[in-house]
Protein backbone atom coordinates (compact mmCIF):
# COMPACT_ATOMS: atom_id res chain seq x y z
CA MET A 1 0.00 0.00 0.00
CA ASP A 2 1.40 3.43 -0.88
CA ASP A 3 1.82 6.28 1.61
CA GLU A 4 -1.18 8.27 0.36
CA ALA A 5 -3.47 5.29 0.89
CA ILE A 6 -2.10 4.77 4.40
CA LEU A 7 -2.54 8.46 5.23
CA THR A 8 -6.12 8.28 3.93
CA LEU A 9 -6.73 5.45 6.42
CA PHE A 10 -5.30 7.63 9.21
CA PHE A 11 -7.58 10.50 8.24
CA ALA A 12 -10.55 8.11 8.17
CA ARG A 13 -9.48 6.94 11.69
CA ASN A 14 -9.34 3.39 10.34
CA GLN A 15 -7.15 1.19 12.55
CA GLU A 16 -5.95 -0.66 9.47
CA ALA A 17 -3.62 2.36 9.07
CA ILE A 18 -1.49 1.07 11.95
CA ARG A 19 -1.21 -2.44 10.49
CA GLU A 20 -0.29 -1.08 7.05
CA THR A 21 2.22 1.34 8.56
CA ASP A 22 3.85 -1.46 10.51
CA ARG A 23 3.89 -3.68 7.43
CA LYS A 24 5.59 -1.00 5.32
CA TYR A 25 7.78 0.86 7.84
CA GLY A 26 8.06 -1.45 10.86
CA ALA A 27 11.51 -2.80 9.99
CA TYR A 28 12.78 0.73 9.23
CA CYS A 29 11.61 2.12 12.59
CA ARG A 30 12.79 -0.95 14.50
CA ARG A 31 16.26 -0.57 13.01
CA ILE A 32 16.46 3.06 14.09
CA SER A 33 15.36 2.20 17.63
CA GLN A 34 17.54 -0.90 17.83
CA GLN A 35 20.64 1.07 16.78
CA ILE A 36 20.03 3.64 19.50
CA LEU A 37 18.86 1.39 22.30
CA GLY A 38 20.71 -1.86 21.63
CA SER A 39 17.72 -3.77 22.97
CA ARG A 40 15.16 -5.54 20.80
CA GLU A 41 12.50 -5.31 23.52
CA ASP A 42 13.00 -1.57 24.09
CA ALA A 43 13.07 -0.98 20.33
CA GLU A 44 9.76 -2.82 19.92
CA GLU A 45 8.16 -0.67 22.62
CA CYS A 46 9.43 2.49 20.93
CA VAL A 47 8.02 1.35 17.60
CA ASN A 48 4.63 0.72 19.20
CA ASP A 49 4.82 4.19 20.76
CA THR A 50 5.72 5.53 17.31
CA TRP A 51 2.48 4.15 15.88
CA LEU A 52 0.54 5.72 18.77
CA GLN A 53 2.15 9.12 18.21
CA ALA A 54 1.50 8.89 14.48
CA TRP A 55 -2.15 8.04 15.23
CA ASN A 56 -2.41 11.07 17.53
CA LYS A 57 -0.70 13.47 15.10
CA ILE A 58 -2.47 12.38 11.88
CA PRO A 59 -4.80 14.22 11.53
CA PRO A 60 -4.36 17.19 11.68
CA GLN A 61 -0.82 16.79 10.30
CA ARG A 62 -0.37 15.36 6.82
CA PRO A 63 3.34 14.53 6.51
CA GLN A 64 5.03 15.32 3.20
CA CYS A 65 7.42 12.40 3.63
CA PHE A 66 5.73 9.71 5.70
CA GLN A 67 8.89 7.62 6.14
CA ALA A 68 10.90 10.56 7.50
CA PHE A 69 7.97 11.55 9.73
CA LEU A 70 7.90 8.06 11.27
CA GLY A 71 11.69 7.83 11.46
CA ARG A 72 11.88 11.09 13.37
CA ILE A 73 9.23 9.97 15.87
CA ALA A 74 10.97 6.60 16.39
CA ARG A 75 14.35 8.27 16.78
CA ASN A 76 13.12 10.87 19.28
CA LEU A 77 11.28 8.27 21.35
CA SER A 78 14.36 6.05 21.33
CA LEU A 79 16.64 8.89 22.39
CA ASP A 80 14.23 9.80 25.20
CA ARG A 81 14.21 6.19 26.39
CA TRP A 82 18.00 6.07 26.14
CA ASP A 83 18.25 9.27 28.25
CA ARG A 84 16.02 7.76 30.93
CA ARG A 85 18.11 4.58 31.00
CA GLN A 86 21.36 6.54 31.21
CA ALA A 87 20.03 8.67 34.04
CA LYS A 88 19.59 5.43 35.97
CA LYS A 89 22.95 3.83 35.26
CA ARG A 90 25.24 6.52 33.80
CA GLY A 91 26.99 3.96 31.65
CA GLY A 92 28.74 4.29 28.31
CA GLY A 93 27.44 3.05 25.02
CA GLN A 94 27.05 3.93 21.38
CA ILE A 95 24.87 7.03 21.83
CA GLN A 96 27.24 8.48 24.43
CA ILE A 97 30.08 8.06 21.94
CA LEU A 98 28.08 9.76 19.17
CA LEU A 99 27.08 12.65 21.40
CA SER A 100 30.64 13.17 22.59
CA GLU A 101 31.88 13.19 18.98
CA LEU A 102 29.38 15.90 18.02
CA GLU A 103 29.78 17.85 21.26
CA ALA A 104 33.02 19.45 20.11
CA CYS A 105 31.49 20.96 16.96
CA LEU A 106 28.06 22.10 18.15
CA PRO A 107 27.35 25.13 20.31
CA SER A 108 26.37 24.57 23.91
CA SER A 109 22.61 24.54 24.42
CA ASP A 110 22.87 26.06 27.89
CA LEU A 111 24.58 29.30 26.86
CA PRO A 112 22.27 32.16 27.86
CA GLU A 113 23.37 34.34 24.95
CA ARG A 114 22.99 31.63 22.34
CA ARG A 115 22.60 33.40 18.97
CA LEU A 116 20.46 30.94 17.09
CA GLU A 117 17.31 29.13 18.04
CA GLU A 118 17.36 25.35 17.61
CA GLN A 119 15.37 25.60 14.41
CA GLU A 120 17.84 28.03 12.85
CA LEU A 121 20.70 25.80 13.91
CA GLY A 122 18.92 22.95 12.12
CA ASN A 123 18.65 25.10 8.99
CA VAL A 124 22.36 25.94 9.12
CA LEU A 125 23.21 22.27 9.61
CA SER A 126 21.02 21.31 6.65
CA ARG A 127 22.69 23.90 4.42
CA TRP A 128 26.10 22.58 5.44
CA LEU A 129 25.08 18.98 4.79
CA PHE A 130 23.75 19.78 1.31
CA GLN A 131 27.11 21.37 0.45
CA GLN A 132 28.89 18.09 1.20
CA PRO A 133 29.59 15.42 -1.42
CA GLU A 134 27.00 12.64 -1.39
CA LYS A 135 29.38 10.10 0.18
CA ASN A 136 30.10 12.49 3.05
CA ARG A 137 26.41 13.28 3.57
CA VAL A 138 25.57 9.59 3.67
CA ALA A 139 28.37 8.90 6.18
CA PHE A 140 27.33 11.78 8.44
CA VAL A 141 23.63 10.95 8.41
CA ARG A 142 24.18 7.21 8.85
CA ARG A 143 26.51 7.81 11.82
CA TYR A 144 24.72 10.65 13.60
CA TRP A 145 21.05 10.20 12.62
CA TYR A 146 20.75 6.42 12.31
CA ALA A 147 23.47 5.73 14.92
CA ASP A 148 25.29 3.25 12.69
CA SER A 149 28.57 1.94 14.06
CA LEU A 150 31.78 3.06 12.37
CA ALA A 151 32.01 -0.33 10.67
CA GLU A 152 28.45 -0.06 9.35
CA THR A 153 29.06 3.49 8.17
CA ALA A 154 32.27 2.44 6.43
CA ALA A 155 30.52 -0.47 4.70
CA ARG A 156 27.71 1.85 3.60
CA ILE A 157 30.13 4.25 1.89
CA GLY A 158 32.56 1.59 0.70
CA CYS A 159 35.71 2.29 2.68
CA SER A 160 37.66 1.00 5.66
CA THR A 161 36.61 1.77 9.23
CA GLY A 162 39.73 3.93 9.68
CA ALA A 163 38.92 5.92 6.54
CA ALA A 164 35.33 6.44 7.74
CA LYS A 165 36.60 7.56 11.15
CA SER A 166 38.97 10.06 9.51
CA LEU A 167 36.26 11.32 7.17
CA LEU A 168 33.84 11.90 10.04
CA HIS A 169 36.55 13.64 12.07
CA ARG A 170 37.26 16.01 9.17
CA MET A 171 33.55 16.59 8.68
CA ARG A 172 33.04 17.49 12.36
CA ARG A 173 35.96 19.94 12.18
CA ASN A 174 34.54 21.37 8.95
CA LEU A 175 31.08 21.63 10.56
CA ARG A 176 32.49 23.55 13.50
CA ASP A 177 34.28 25.97 11.15
CA TYR A 178 31.08 26.40 9.15
CA LEU A 179 29.04 27.07 12.30
CA GLU A 180 31.59 29.65 13.45
CA LYS A 181 31.44 31.36 10.03
CA GLU A 182 27.61 31.38 10.18
CA GLY A 183 27.67 32.84 13.68
CA ALA A 184 26.12 29.76 15.26
CA TRP A 185 29.12 28.96 17.43
CA LYS A 186 29.89 30.98 20.55
């Protein structure tokens, strides 16, 4: 079933919309959650919560890109769950590594005189990403949006893990320079 037909079911408040959404995008959303949480059970709960949030948001929203809409919900729910787990145990893990890698190139969110709102920062980040070669964009998004491991990212772009690590390091440095130039950094 195509996205328009699924969205029509949502707007009709037909519960078949959830089954069709799970059939088409369940594996996609589970992968996002699994990468972040590292737990199949937690990922499954986040996916179920994703369907609930989609049900509550559609209508009135009519997403332009249904897959991205669902991916964003799944990712945000997974990150929230990860935060709650980390607050309990303060352990390491993949997400902590990703956040620490990005920490050095993004402005602090607790600065009182922060120049850009989060939305504007997102716009600046998007502009920067679209200026990157496709291979670099794919590597950055796979690593920092989908939380792929370095090995998975390297395989996705067809290089060694060391080359992917170097590429991402250069990209983070380049991102920080770009943010400074755009006035989004300190």
